[in-house]
PDB file of N, CA and C in Angstrom:
ATOM      1  N   MET A   1    -121.004-137.495  35.457  1.00  0.00           N
ATOM      2  CA  MET A   1    -122.548-137.400  35.845  1.00  0.00           C
ATOM      3  C   MET A   1    -123.130-138.241  35.108  1.00  0.00           C
ATOM      4  N   ALA A   2    -122.634-138.567  33.970  1.00  0.00           N
ATOM      5  CA  ALA A   2    -123.600-139.609  33.260  1.00  0.00           C
ATOM      6  C   ALA A   2    -123.169-140.842  33.400  1.00  0.00           C
ATOM      7  N   LEU A   3    -122.411-141.354  34.164  1.00  0.00           N
ATOM      8  CA  LEU A   3    -122.005-142.667  34.793  1.00  0.00           C
ATOM      9  C   LEU A   3    -122.973-143.293  35.382  1.00  0.00           C
ATOM     10  N   PRO A   4    -123.815-142.792  36.354  1.00  0.00           N
ATOM     11  CA  PRO A   4    -124.708-143.685  37.092  1.00  0.00           C
ATOM     12  C   PRO A   4    -126.112-144.103  35.976  1.00  0.00           C
ATOM     13  N   MET A   5    -126.458-142.811  34.914  1.00  0.00           N
ATOM     14  CA  MET A   5    -127.296-143.661  34.316  1.00  0.00           C
ATOM     15  C   MET A   5    -127.014-144.462  33.138  1.00  0.00           C
ATOM     16  N   THR A   6    -125.789-144.356  32.633  1.00  0.00           N
ATOM     17  CA  THR A   6    -125.270-145.509  31.877  1.00  0.00           C
ATOM     18  C   THR A   6    -124.954-146.959  32.488  1.00  0.00           C
ATOM     19  N   LEU A   7    -124.752-146.775  33.800  1.00  0.00           N
ATOM     20  CA  LEU A   7    -124.950-148.340  34.674  1.00  0.00           C
ATOM     21  C   LEU A   7    -125.989-148.676  34.725  1.00  0.00           C
ATOM     22  N   PHE A   8    -127.121-147.803  35.050  1.00  0.00           N
ATOM     23  CA  PHE A   8    -128.337-148.140  35.292  1.00  0.00           C
ATOM     24  C   PHE A   8    -129.118-148.758  34.147  1.00  0.00           C
ATOM     25  N   SER A   9    -128.731-148.119  32.978  1.00  0.00           N
ATOM     26  CA  SER A   9    -129.630-148.675  31.929  1.00  0.00           C
ATOM     27  C   SER A   9    -129.033-150.190  31.345  1.00  0.00           C
ATOM     28  N   ALA A  10    -127.566-150.287  31.582  1.00  0.00           N
ATOM     29  CA  ALA A  10    -127.199-151.425  31.062  1.00  0.00           C
ATOM     30  C   ALA A  10    -127.466-152.619  32.338  1.00  0.00           C
ATOM     31  N   LEU A  11    -127.349-152.376  33.281  1.00  0.00           N
ATOM     32  CA  LEU A  11    -127.973-153.148  34.531  1.00  0.00           C
ATOM     33  C   LEU A  11    -129.402-153.174  33.907  1.00  0.00           C
ATOM     34  N   LEU A  12    -130.169-152.498  33.921  1.00  0.00           N
ATOM     35  CA  LEU A  12    -131.759-152.851  33.511  1.00  0.00           C
ATOM     36  C   LEU A  12    -131.844-153.678  32.301  1.00  0.00           C
ATOM     37  N   GLY A  13    -130.818-153.599  31.200  1.00  0.00           N
ATOM     38  CA  GLY A  13    -131.050-154.097  29.976  1.00  0.00           C
ATOM     39  C   GLY A  13    -130.529-155.613  30.305  1.00  0.00           C
ATOM     40  N   LEU A  14    -129.543-156.051  31.189  1.00  0.00           N
ATOM     41  CA  LEU A  14    -129.270-157.401  31.523  1.00  0.00           C
ATOM     42  C   LEU A  14    -130.397-157.934  32.397  1.00  0.00           C
ATOM     43  N   LEU A  15    -131.269-157.331  33.181  1.00  0.00           N
ATOM     44  CA  LEU A  15    -132.100-157.515  34.009  1.00  0.00           C
ATOM     45  C   LEU A  15    -133.345-157.932  33.246  1.00  0.00           C
ATOM     46  N   GLN A  16    -133.583-157.337  32.097  1.00  0.00           N
ATOM     47  CA  GLN A  16    -134.487-157.637  31.518  1.00  0.00           C
ATOM     48  C   GLN A  16    -134.540-159.132  30.333  1.00  0.00           C
ATOM     49  N   LYS A  17    -133.266-158.923  29.625  1.00  0.00           N
ATOM     50  CA  LYS A  17    -133.052-160.030  28.907  1.00  0.00           C
ATOM     51  C   LYS A  17    -133.657-161.504  29.917  1.00  0.00           C
ATOM     52  N   GLU A  18    -132.628-161.431  31.037  1.00  0.00           N
ATOM     53  CA  GLU A  18    -132.926-162.376  32.062  1.00  0.00           C
ATOM     54  C   GLU A  18    -134.308-162.872  32.647  1.00  0.00           C
ATOM     55  N   ASN A  19    -135.207-161.758  32.041  1.00  0.00           N
ATOM     56  CA  ASN A  19    -136.552-161.696  32.747  1.00  0.00           C
ATOM     57  C   ASN A  19    -136.534-161.532  34.225  1.00  0.00           C
ATOM     58  N   ILE A  20    -135.698-160.998  34.912  1.00  0.00           N
ATOM     59  CA  ILE A  20    -135.655-160.877  36.613  1.00  0.00           C
ATOM     60  C   ILE A  20    -136.501-159.848  36.801  1.00  0.00           C
ATOM     61  N   ILE A  21    -136.703-158.645  35.784  1.00  0.00           N
ATOM     62  CA  ILE A  21    -137.160-157.600  36.343  1.00  0.00           C
ATOM     63  C   ILE A  21    -138.566-157.311  35.335  1.00  0.00           C
ATOM     64  N   ASN A  22    -139.713-156.685  35.841  1.00  0.00           N
ATOM     65  CA  ASN A  22    -140.791-156.384  34.885  1.00  0.00           C
ATOM     66  C   ASN A  22    -140.551-155.024  34.475  1.00  0.00           C
ATOM     67  N   ILE A  23    -140.640-154.935  33.227  1.00  0.00           N
ATOM     68  CA  ILE A  23    -140.338-153.384  32.806  1.00  0.00           C
ATOM     69  C   ILE A  23    -141.364-152.302  33.063  1.00  0.00           C
ATOM     70  N   ASP A  24    -142.659-152.824  32.914  1.00  0.00           N
ATOM     71  CA  ASP A  24    -143.626-152.105  33.241  1.00  0.00           C
ATOM     72  C   ASP A  24    -143.824-151.273  34.536  1.00  0.00           C
ATOM     73  N   PHE A  25    -143.433-152.355  35.771  1.00  0.00           N
ATOM     74  CA  PHE A  25    -143.347-151.800  36.980  1.00  0.00           C
ATOM     75  C   PHE A  25    -142.603-150.829  37.175  1.00  0.00           C
ATOM     76  N   LEU A  26    -141.409-151.126  36.648  1.00  0.00           N
ATOM     77  CA  LEU A  26    -140.107-150.195  36.555  1.00  0.00           C
ATOM     78  C   LEU A  26    -140.592-148.802  36.025  1.00  0.00           C
ATOM     79  N   GLY A  27    -141.111-148.625  34.884  1.00  0.00           N
ATOM     80  CA  GLY A  27    -141.480-147.649  33.853  1.00  0.00           C
ATOM     81  C   GLY A  27    -142.102-146.634  35.029  1.00  0.00           C
ATOM     82  N   ILE A  28    -143.578-147.410  35.567  1.00  0.00           N
ATOM     83  CA  ILE A  28    -144.390-146.549  36.367  1.00  0.00           C
ATOM     84  C   ILE A  28    -143.865-146.292  37.694  1.00  0.00           C
ATOM     85  N   SER A  29    -142.830-146.910  38.398  1.00  0.00           N
ATOM     86  CA  SER A  29    -142.308-146.448  39.431  1.00  0.00           C
ATOM     87  C   SER A  29    -141.318-145.273  39.193  1.00  0.00           C
ATOM     88  N   LEU A  30    -140.384-145.409  38.134  1.00  0.00           N
ATOM     89  CA  LEU A  30    -139.563-144.127  37.619  1.00  0.00           C
ATOM     90  C   LEU A  30    -140.362-143.105  37.433  1.00  0.00           C
ATOM     91  N   GLY A  31    -141.580-142.945  36.874  1.00  0.00           N
ATOM     92  CA  GLY A  31    -142.147-141.984  36.401  1.00  0.00           C
ATOM     93  C   GLY A  31    -142.886-141.472  37.690  1.00  0.00           C
ATOM     94  N   PHE A  32    -143.149-142.000  38.830  1.00  0.00           N
ATOM     95  CA  PHE A  32    -143.825-141.467  39.981  1.00  0.00           C
ATOM     96  C   PHE A  32    -142.879-140.823  40.591  1.00  0.00           C
ATOM     97  N   ILE A  33    -141.362-141.590  40.586  1.00  0.00           N
ATOM     98  CA  ILE A  33    -140.174-140.869  41.518  1.00  0.00           C
ATOM     99  C   ILE A  33    -139.708-139.595  40.643  1.00  0.00           C
ATOM    100  N   PHE A  34    -139.971-139.422  39.148  1.00  0.00           N
ATOM    101  CA  PHE A  34    -139.553-138.235  38.616  1.00  0.00           C
ATOM    102  C   PHE A  34    -140.376-137.239  38.696  1.00  0.00           C
ATOM    103  N   ILE A  35    -141.880-137.668  38.570  1.00  0.00           N
ATOM    104  CA  ILE A  35    -142.966-136.522  39.032  1.00  0.00           C
ATOM    105  C   ILE A  35    -142.896-136.138  40.493  1.00  0.00           C
ATOM    106  N   CYS A  36    -142.192-136.809  41.379  1.00  0.00           N
ATOM    107  CA  CYS A  36    -142.246-136.163  42.804  1.00  0.00           C
ATOM    108  C   CYS A  36    -140.832-135.237  42.640  1.00  0.00           C
ATOM    109  N   ILE A  37    -139.944-135.571  41.925  1.00  0.00           N
ATOM    110  CA  ILE A  37    -138.482-134.773  41.807  1.00  0.00           C
ATOM    111  C   ILE A  37    -139.032-133.354  40.968  1.00  0.00           C
ATOM    112  N   ALA A  38    -139.744-133.549  40.133  1.00  0.00           N
ATOM    113  CA  ALA A  38    -140.122-132.310  39.712  1.00  0.00           C
ATOM    114  C   ALA A  38    -141.258-131.543  40.519  1.00  0.00           C
ATOM    115  N   VAL A  39    -141.881-131.840  41.477  1.00  0.00           N
ATOM    116  CA  VAL A  39    -142.939-131.298  42.498  1.00  0.00           C
ATOM    117  C   VAL A  39    -141.913-130.337  43.206  1.00  0.00           C
ATOM    118  N   VAL A  40    -141.057-131.359  43.926  1.00  0.00           N
ATOM    119  CA  VAL A  40    -139.934-130.878  45.024  1.00  0.00           C
ATOM    120  C   VAL A  40    -139.214-129.569  44.418  1.00  0.00           C
ATOM    121  N   GLY A  41    -138.866-129.592  42.823  1.00  0.00           N
ATOM    122  CA  GLY A  41    -137.884-128.807  42.395  1.00  0.00           C
ATOM    123  C   GLY A  41    -138.826-127.587  41.988  1.00  0.00           C
ATOM    124  N   PHE A  42    -140.010-127.676  41.589  1.00  0.00           N
ATOM    125  CA  PHE A  42    -140.924-126.452  41.689  1.00  0.00           C
ATOM    126  C   PHE A  42    -141.476-126.169  42.753  1.00  0.00           C
ATOM    127  N   LEU A  43    -141.485-126.687  43.831  1.00  0.00           N
ATOM    128  CA  LEU A  43    -141.626-125.860  45.337  1.00  0.00           C
ATOM    129  C   LEU A  43    -140.535-125.176  45.644  1.00  0.00           C
ATOM    130  N   VAL A  44    -139.445-125.599  45.591  1.00  0.00           N
ATOM    131  CA  VAL A  44    -137.888-125.152  45.855  1.00  0.00           C
ATOM    132  C   VAL A  44    -137.829-123.736  45.068  1.00  0.00           C
ATOM    133  N   MET A  45    -138.478-123.799  43.866  1.00  0.00           N
ATOM    134  CA  MET A  45    -138.000-122.520  42.930  1.00  0.00           C
ATOM    135  C   MET A  45    -138.972-121.432  43.792  1.00  0.00           C
ATOM    136  N   ILE A  46    -140.177-121.962  44.117  1.00  0.00           N
ATOM    137  CA  ILE A  46    -141.487-120.885  44.362  1.00  0.00           C
ATOM    138  C   ILE A  46    -140.720-120.445  45.692  1.00  0.00           C
ATOM    139  N   TYR A  47    -140.052-121.362  46.641  1.00  0.00           N
ATOM    140  CA  TYR A  47    -139.463-120.839  47.744  1.00  0.00           C
ATOM    141  C   TYR A  47    -138.102-119.757  47.702  1.00  0.00           C
ATOM    142  N   ILE A  48    -137.459-120.149  46.824  1.00  0.00           N
ATOM    143  CA  ILE A  48    -136.514-119.118  46.356  1.00  0.00           C
ATOM    144  C   ILE A  48    -136.806-117.701  45.762  1.00  0.00           C
ATOM    145  N   ALA A  49    -137.960-117.642  44.972  1.00  0.00           N
ATOM    146  CA  ALA A  49    -138.561-116.638  44.660  1.00  0.00           C
ATOM    147  C   ALA A  49    -139.167-115.707  45.877  1.00  0.00           C
ATOM    148  N   ASN A  50    -139.605-116.468  46.595  1.00  0.00           N
ATOM    149  CA  ASN A  50    -140.175-115.834  48.004  1.00  0.00           C
ATOM    150  C   ASN A  50    -139.259-115.162  48.800  1.00  0.00           C
ATOM    151  N   LEU A  51    -138.160-115.837  48.982  1.00  0.00           N
ATOM    152  CA  LEU A  51    -137.006-115.456  49.419  1.00  0.00           C
ATOM    153  C   LEU A  51    -136.503-114.155  49.033  1.00  0.00           C
ATOM    154  N   ARG A  52    -136.343-114.037  47.767  1.00  0.00           N
ATOM    155  CA  ARG A  52    -135.720-113.022  46.856  1.00  0.00           C
ATOM    156  C   ARG A  52    -137.214-111.778  47.134  1.00  0.00           C
ATOM    157  N   MET A  53    -138.162-112.086  47.287  1.00  0.00           N
ATOM    158  CA  MET A  53    -139.358-110.890  47.444  1.00  0.00           C
ATOM    159  C   MET A  53    -139.071-110.434  48.550  1.00  0.00           C
ATOM    160  N   ASP A  54    -138.811-111.265  49.667  1.00  0.00           N
ATOM    161  CA  ASP A  54    -138.782-110.639  51.062  1.00  0.00           C
ATOM    162  C   ASP A  54    -137.181-109.941  51.140  1.00  0.00           C
ATOM    163  N   ALA A  55    -136.230-110.055  50.503  1.00  0.00           N
ATOM    164  CA  ALA A  55    -135.065-109.324  50.268  1.00  0.00           C
ATOM    165  C   ALA A  55    -135.312-107.923  49.643  1.00  0.00           C
ATOM    166  N   ILE A  56    -135.960-108.030  48.613  1.00  0.00           N
ATOM    167  CA  ILE A  56    -136.421-106.620  48.127  1.00  0.00           C
ATOM    168  C   ILE A  56    -137.427-105.862  48.751  1.00  0.00           C
ATOM    169  N   LEU A  57    -138.266-106.296  49.696  1.00  0.00           N
ATOM    170  CA  LEU A  57    -139.256-105.594  50.447  1.00  0.00           C
ATOM    171  C   LEU A  57    -138.363-105.252  51.907  1.00  0.00           C
ATOM    172  N   TYR A  58    -137.499-105.920  51.913  1.00  0.00           N
ATOM    173  CA  TYR A  58    -136.609-105.248  53.387  1.00  0.00           C
ATOM    174  C   TYR A  58    -135.640-104.104  52.903  1.00  0.00           C
ATOM    175  N   ALA A  59    -134.975-104.186  51.750  1.00  0.00           N
ATOM    176  CA  ALA A  59    -134.193-103.306  51.271  1.00  0.00           C
ATOM    177  C   ALA A  59    -134.969-101.996  51.017  1.00  0.00           C
ATOM    178  N   ARG A  60    -136.260-102.196  50.376  1.00  0.00           N
ATOM    179  CA  ARG A  60    -136.940-100.992  50.138  1.00  0.00           C
ATOM    180  C   ARG A  60    -137.551-100.420  51.522  1.00  0.00           C
ATOM    181  N   THR A  61    -137.742-101.041  52.446  1.00  0.00           N
ATOM    182  CA  THR A  61    -138.268-100.775  53.642  1.00  0.00           C
ATOM    183  C   THR A  61    -137.087 -99.795  54.498  1.00  0.00           C
ATOM    184  N   VAL A  62    -135.974-100.473  54.396  1.00  0.00           N
ATOM    185  CA  VAL A  62    -134.804 -99.627  55.065  1.00  0.00           C
ATOM    186  C   VAL A  62    -134.605 -98.722  54.258  1.00  0.00           C
ATOM    187  N   ASN A  63    -134.521 -98.381  53.044  1.00  0.00           N
ATOM    188  CA  ASN A  63    -134.108 -97.240  52.399  1.00  0.00           C
ATOM    189  C   ASN A  63    -135.092 -96.297  52.586  1.00  0.00           C
ATOM    190  N   GLY A  64    -136.402 -96.738  52.331  1.00  0.00           N
ATOM    191  CA  GLY A  64    -137.416 -95.657  52.607  1.00  0.00           C
ATOM    192  C   GLY A  64    -137.121 -94.958  54.220  1.00  0.00           C
ATOM    193  N   ILE A  65    -136.873 -95.660  55.188  1.00  0.00           N
ATOM    194  CA  ILE A  65    -136.855 -95.281  56.591  1.00  0.00           C
ATOM    195  C   ILE A  65    -135.428 -94.332  56.552  1.00  0.00           C
ATOM    196  N   ARG A  66    -134.568 -94.682  55.856  1.00  0.00           N
ATOM    197  CA  ARG A  66    -133.207 -93.893  55.822  1.00  0.00           C
ATOM    198  C   ARG A  66    -133.364 -92.588  54.923  1.00  0.00           C
ATOM    199  N   LYS A  67    -134.340 -92.632  53.883  1.00  0.00           N
ATOM    200  CA  LYS A  67    -134.662 -91.511  53.372  1.00  0.00           C
ATOM    201  C   LYS A  67    -135.407 -90.549  54.193  1.00  0.00           C
ATOM    202  N   TYR A  68    -136.260 -90.959  54.848  1.00  0.00           N
ATOM    203  CA  TYR A  68    -137.124 -90.269  55.767  1.00  0.00           C
ATOM    204  C   TYR A  68    -136.344 -89.418  56.813  1.00  0.00           C
ATOM    205  N   PHE A  69    -135.387 -90.075  57.314  1.00  0.00           N
ATOM    206  CA  PHE A  69    -134.543 -89.476  58.275  1.00  0.00           C
ATOM    207  C   PHE A  69    -133.528 -88.287  57.653  1.00  0.00           C
ATOM    208  N   PHE A  70    -133.174 -88.684  56.424  1.00  0.00           N
ATOM    209  CA  PHE A  70    -132.201 -87.984  55.720  1.00  0.00           C
ATOM    210  C   PHE A  70    -132.962 -86.494  55.302  1.00  0.00           C
ATOM    211  N   ASP A  71    -134.105 -86.804  54.696  1.00  0.00           N
ATOM    212  CA  ASP A  71    -134.932 -85.647  54.464  1.00  0.00           C
ATOM    213  C   ASP A  71    -135.420 -84.925  55.673  1.00  0.00           C
ATOM    214  N   ASN A  72    -135.580 -85.093  56.826  1.00  0.00           N
ATOM    215  CA  ASN A  72    -136.116 -84.584  57.889  1.00  0.00           C
ATOM    216  C   ASN A  72    -134.806 -84.222  59.021  1.00  0.00           C
ATOM    217  N   ALA A  73    -133.699 -84.242  58.594  1.00  0.00           N
ATOM    218  CA  ALA A  73    -132.604 -83.989  59.245  1.00  0.00           C
ATOM    219  C   ALA A  73    -132.530 -82.336  59.601  1.00  0.00           C
ATOM    220  N   LYS A  74    -132.093 -81.998  60.704  1.00  0.00           N
ATOM    221  CA  LYS A  74    -131.996 -80.580  60.774  1.00  0.00           C
ATOM    222  C   LYS A  74    -130.679 -80.314  60.469  1.00  0.00           C
ATOM    223  N   THR A  75    -129.490 -81.092  60.438  1.00  0.00           N
ATOM    224  CA  THR A  75    -128.370 -80.547  59.590  1.00  0.00           C
ATOM    225  C   THR A  75    -128.325 -80.780  58.204  1.00  0.00           C
ATOM    226  N   ASP A  76    -127.381 -80.012  57.711  1.00  0.00           N
ATOM    227  CA  ASP A  76    -127.028 -80.515  56.166  1.00  0.00           C
ATOM    228  C   ASP A  76    -125.925 -81.640  55.863  1.00  0.00           C
ATOM    229  N   LEU A  77    -126.889 -82.850  55.658  1.00  0.00           N
ATOM    230  CA  LEU A  77    -125.966 -83.906  55.699  1.00  0.00           C
ATOM    231  C   LEU A  77    -125.368 -84.180  54.117  1.00  0.00           C
ATOM    232  N   ARG A  78    -125.778 -83.366  53.172  1.00  0.00           N
ATOM    233  CA  ARG A  78    -124.722 -83.474  51.984  1.00  0.00           C
ATOM    234  C   ARG A  78    -123.380 -83.016  52.226  1.00  0.00           C
ATOM    235  N   GLN A  79    -123.178 -82.129  52.957  1.00  0.00           N
ATOM    236  CA  GLN A  79    -121.883 -81.693  52.980  1.00  0.00           C
ATOM    237  C   GLN A  79    -120.930 -83.044  53.405  1.00  0.00           C
ATOM    238  N   ASN A  80    -121.499 -83.852  54.399  1.00  0.00           N
ATOM    239  CA  ASN A  80    -120.484 -84.665  54.720  1.00  0.00           C
ATOM    240  C   ASN A  80    -120.269 -85.965  53.532  1.00  0.00           C
ATOM    241  N   PHE A  81    -121.010 -85.904  52.628  1.00  0.00           N
ATOM    242  CA  PHE A  81    -120.839 -86.855  51.283  1.00  0.00           C
ATOM    243  C   PHE A  81    -119.716 -86.695  50.199  1.00  0.00           C
ATOM    244  N   VAL A  82    -119.256 -85.001  50.449  1.00  0.00           N
ATOM    245  CA  VAL A  82    -118.594 -84.428  49.520  1.00  0.00           C
ATOM    246  C   VAL A  82    -117.155 -84.826  49.665  1.00  0.00           C
TER     247      VAL A  82
END
């Protein structure tokens, strides 16, 4: 996993020595890319939390409906679970 960053830094060092690349522009562009990645990661985290809350709301609703019918049943349903 660390190999791409190692190769990137080695390549950057070689290009900077030969004055092929401007390090200031690269720093700004990498900063912008990393900020975009952080924003996308934050939005994905919020989306996952929203999915979890939807699942909890669904489970509570279904269990509430199940409890309503269990409590209002004419027959004794508890004997079926023993």
